[in-house]
Amino acid sequence: MFTRFVVAILLLSVSAIAQSPTVTCPADRPVDDIIANMKRQESKRSKSPVPDIVCVWGWCRETTKSKTPPTFPSPASTSETPSPSPSAPTDYSSSTTTADSCEDAMARALDAAVDVEMGDDHFKDKNYRGALFRYQDALENKPEDVAIFVRSARAAEKLNEIPQAIEYYQAAEKLGRTGKWTDEAHAALQRLVPSAPTKK
């Protein structure tokens, strides 16, 4: 009897949390927060029977990392590009629940975090091209993260691709966030574009 009561309470609690409008998806957190949480999990993972799985805030993802630079396939011609499946939903608000949307967003955020970690490894190894490609992959999954834009700009700057670096720094500034990443973007723009307006 007591076990049924506990199970019923747990089910009601989970249901209430799932329906609560105040619960936010952890995918909205900055990529640096996600990476920090993943690193905390790595020490625990060494004892795990599944070492290539990381769980962050209850969301799990495979995180097999490779030190090899990414491969870049040649672009397919437009005639060979498959058209999207008519059964694939394009409007998440009408076809999936909030939990499903958060699950997809969290999967993308974890993929972005893994790409950023690999990009950081490439950057430390002075493989700036590999780093830039990893950061660009991360931006596809998490396009509103200031830290990824600044990392991309750093790599482009190291490759002496200054116009691209400026675009990334400007994109970081346009997100309108505050903090060290936005400050770095602004300082870099002052350095790279001397006519840029000063920060108020």
Protein backbone atom coordinates (compact mmCIF):
# COMPACT_ATOMS: atom_id res chain seq x y z
CA MET A 1 0.00 0.00 0.00
CA PHE A 2 2.76 2.43 0.98
CA THR A 3 4.68 1.67 -2.26
CA ARG A 4 1.61 2.47 -4.38
CA PHE A 5 1.18 5.73 -2.49
CA VAL A 6 4.82 6.74 -3.13
CA VAL A 7 4.57 5.83 -6.81
CA ALA A 8 1.36 7.84 -7.15
CA ILE A 9 2.98 10.88 -5.52
CA LEU A 10 6.01 10.61 -7.81
CA LEU A 11 3.84 10.35 -10.90
CA LEU A 12 1.81 13.38 -9.87
CA SER A 13 5.00 15.34 -9.19
CA VAL A 14 6.48 14.48 -12.58
CA SER A 15 3.20 15.37 -14.27
CA ALA A 16 3.04 18.70 -12.46
CA ILE A 17 6.63 19.54 -13.39
CA ALA A 18 6.03 18.62 -17.04
CA GLN A 19 2.96 20.88 -17.20
CA SER A 20 4.52 23.74 -15.25
CA PRO A 21 5.07 26.82 -17.42
CA THR A 22 7.98 27.98 -15.25
CA VAL A 23 10.21 25.00 -16.12
CA THR A 24 12.72 26.10 -18.74
CA CYS A 25 14.67 23.92 -21.09
CA PRO A 26 18.34 23.59 -20.08
CA ALA A 27 19.28 23.86 -23.77
CA ASP A 28 18.93 27.63 -23.36
CA ARG A 29 21.91 27.72 -21.01
CA PRO A 30 25.22 29.03 -22.40
CA VAL A 31 27.42 26.42 -24.04
CA ASP A 32 30.10 27.04 -21.41
CA ASP A 33 27.65 25.97 -18.66
CA ILE A 34 26.84 22.79 -20.58
CA ILE A 35 30.54 22.03 -21.10
CA ALA A 36 31.30 22.65 -17.41
CA ASN A 37 28.54 20.25 -16.42
CA MET A 38 29.83 17.68 -18.93
CA LYS A 39 33.35 17.96 -17.48
CA ARG A 40 31.98 17.34 -14.00
CA GLN A 41 30.32 14.22 -15.36
CA GLU A 42 33.53 13.00 -17.04
CA SER A 43 35.15 12.22 -13.71
CA LYS A 44 32.13 10.12 -12.77
CA ARG A 45 32.01 8.53 -16.22
CA SER A 46 35.31 6.71 -15.74
CA LYS A 47 33.45 4.38 -13.38
CA SER A 48 30.44 4.12 -15.67
CA PRO A 49 29.76 0.92 -17.64
CA VAL A 50 28.91 3.19 -20.62
CA PRO A 51 31.84 5.65 -20.75
CA ASP A 52 30.79 7.41 -23.99
CA ILE A 53 27.45 8.63 -22.61
CA VAL A 54 27.17 11.87 -20.70
CA CYS A 55 24.10 13.08 -18.85
CA VAL A 56 23.59 16.79 -18.22
CA TRP A 57 20.61 17.93 -16.19
CA GLY A 58 18.95 14.59 -16.86
CA TRP A 59 19.53 14.66 -20.64
CA CYS A 60 21.91 12.04 -22.02
CA ARG A 61 23.95 12.05 -25.20
CA GLU A 62 26.76 10.03 -26.76
CA THR A 63 29.97 12.07 -26.59
CA THR A 64 32.61 10.06 -28.38
CA LYS A 65 35.31 12.60 -29.15
CA SER A 66 37.87 12.29 -31.89
CA LYS A 67 41.15 14.20 -32.03
CA THR A 68 41.19 13.93 -35.82
CA PRO A 69 40.11 16.99 -37.76
CA PRO A 70 36.67 16.84 -39.35
CA THR A 71 36.38 15.67 -42.93
CA PHE A 72 34.78 18.01 -45.41
CA PRO A 73 32.73 16.32 -48.15
CA SER A 74 32.49 18.04 -51.48
CA PRO A 75 29.17 19.86 -51.90
CA ALA A 76 26.47 17.92 -53.68
CA SER A 77 24.98 19.38 -56.83
CA THR A 78 21.56 20.93 -56.44
CA SER A 79 19.97 18.25 -58.60
CA GLU A 80 21.14 15.53 -56.18
CA THR A 81 19.92 17.30 -53.05
CA PRO A 82 17.06 15.27 -51.60
CA SER A 83 13.87 17.16 -50.99
CA PRO A 84 12.51 17.15 -47.45
CA SER A 85 10.16 14.36 -46.60
CA PRO A 86 6.50 15.48 -46.66
CA SER A 87 5.90 13.59 -43.44
CA ALA A 88 8.66 15.43 -41.56
CA PRO A 89 7.22 18.17 -39.35
CA THR A 90 8.62 21.65 -39.89
CA ASP A 91 6.53 23.56 -37.36
CA TYR A 92 7.42 22.20 -33.94
CA SER A 93 4.77 24.23 -32.16
CA SER A 94 1.94 22.50 -33.95
CA SER A 95 3.30 18.96 -34.25
CA THR A 96 5.22 18.24 -31.05
CA THR A 97 4.87 18.86 -27.38
CA THR A 98 7.08 21.22 -25.41
CA ALA A 99 8.93 18.25 -23.92
CA ASP A 100 9.69 16.95 -27.42
CA SER A 101 10.92 20.38 -28.50
CA CYS A 102 13.10 20.63 -25.41
CA GLU A 103 14.43 17.14 -26.02
CA ASP A 104 15.40 18.09 -29.59
CA ALA A 105 16.89 21.39 -28.40
CA MET A 106 18.86 19.63 -25.68
CA ALA A 107 20.21 17.07 -28.16
CA ARG A 108 21.36 19.94 -30.39
CA ALA A 109 22.84 21.81 -27.41
CA LEU A 110 24.82 18.73 -26.33
CA ASP A 111 26.04 18.23 -29.90
CA ALA A 112 27.11 21.88 -29.94
CA ALA A 113 28.94 21.48 -26.63
CA VAL A 114 30.83 18.45 -27.94
CA ASP A 115 31.74 20.38 -31.12
CA VAL A 116 32.94 23.35 -29.04
CA GLU A 117 35.07 21.06 -26.86
CA MET A 118 36.65 19.49 -29.94
CA GLY A 119 37.09 22.94 -31.47
CA ASP A 120 38.84 24.11 -28.31
CA ASP A 121 41.15 21.08 -28.53
CA HIS A 122 41.96 21.92 -32.17
CA PHE A 123 42.53 25.57 -31.24
CA LYS A 124 44.99 24.58 -28.48
CA ASP A 125 46.80 22.36 -31.01
CA LYS A 126 46.96 25.38 -33.39
CA ASN A 127 44.71 23.61 -35.88
CA TYR A 128 42.67 26.76 -36.42
CA ARG A 129 40.93 25.50 -39.56
CA GLY A 130 39.69 22.40 -37.74
CA ALA A 131 38.64 24.58 -34.79
CA LEU A 132 36.70 26.96 -37.03
CA PHE A 133 34.83 24.10 -38.69
CA ARG A 134 33.91 22.61 -35.30
CA TYR A 135 32.68 25.99 -34.07
CA GLN A 136 30.64 26.43 -37.25
CA ASP A 137 29.06 23.03 -36.63
CA ALA A 138 28.28 24.16 -33.09
CA LEU A 139 26.66 27.34 -34.40
CA GLU A 140 24.32 25.27 -36.55
CA ASN A 141 23.04 23.57 -33.40
CA LYS A 142 23.15 26.57 -31.06
CA PRO A 143 22.94 29.73 -33.20
CA GLU A 144 22.27 32.18 -30.36
CA ASP A 145 25.31 31.49 -28.20
CA VAL A 146 27.70 34.43 -27.87
CA ALA A 147 30.64 32.24 -26.78
CA ILE A 148 30.50 30.17 -29.97
CA PHE A 149 30.50 33.28 -32.15
CA VAL A 150 33.53 34.68 -30.31
CA ARG A 151 35.38 31.37 -30.52
CA SER A 152 34.63 31.27 -34.28
CA ALA A 153 35.92 34.82 -34.64
CA ARG A 154 39.12 33.97 -32.77
CA ALA A 155 39.78 31.04 -35.10
CA ALA A 156 39.02 33.11 -38.21
CA GLU A 157 41.35 35.82 -36.93
CA LYS A 158 44.14 33.27 -36.41
CA LEU A 159 43.59 32.16 -40.02
CA ASN A 160 43.92 35.83 -41.06
CA GLU A 161 40.33 35.77 -42.35
CA ILE A 162 39.64 39.19 -40.85
CA PRO A 163 36.33 39.98 -42.65
CA GLN A 164 34.86 36.70 -41.42
CA ALA A 165 36.20 37.33 -37.91
CA ILE A 166 34.57 40.77 -37.91
CA GLU A 167 31.24 39.21 -38.97
CA TYR A 168 31.40 36.75 -36.08
CA TYR A 169 32.31 39.45 -33.55
CA GLN A 170 29.47 41.66 -34.84
CA ALA A 171 27.03 38.75 -34.61
CA ALA A 172 28.11 38.21 -31.00
CA GLU A 173 27.50 41.88 -30.21
CA LYS A 174 24.10 41.90 -31.94
CA LEU A 175 22.82 39.18 -29.62
CA GLY A 176 22.69 41.92 -26.99
CA ARG A 177 23.95 39.83 -24.11
CA THR A 178 26.21 41.09 -21.35
CA GLY A 179 29.31 39.41 -20.03
CA LYS A 180 32.89 38.58 -20.86
CA TRP A 181 32.16 37.20 -24.33
CA THR A 182 30.31 40.32 -25.46
CA ASP A 183 33.05 42.50 -23.94
CA GLU A 184 35.68 40.51 -25.84
CA ALA A 185 33.72 40.87 -29.09
CA HIS A 186 33.45 44.63 -28.58
CA ALA A 187 37.16 44.99 -27.78
CA ALA A 188 38.08 42.92 -30.84
CA LEU A 189 35.88 45.08 -33.06
CA GLN A 190 37.59 48.20 -31.67
CA ARG A 191 40.92 46.64 -32.60
CA LEU A 192 39.91 45.32 -36.04
CA VAL A 193 37.59 48.15 -37.11
CA PRO A 194 38.97 51.37 -35.65
CA SER A 195 35.92 53.35 -36.81
CA ALA A 196 33.55 51.12 -34.77
CA PRO A 197 31.51 53.06 -32.18
CA THR A 198 32.80 53.00 -28.62
CA LYS A 199 30.84 51.15 -25.96
CA LYS A 200 28.69 53.36 -23.77
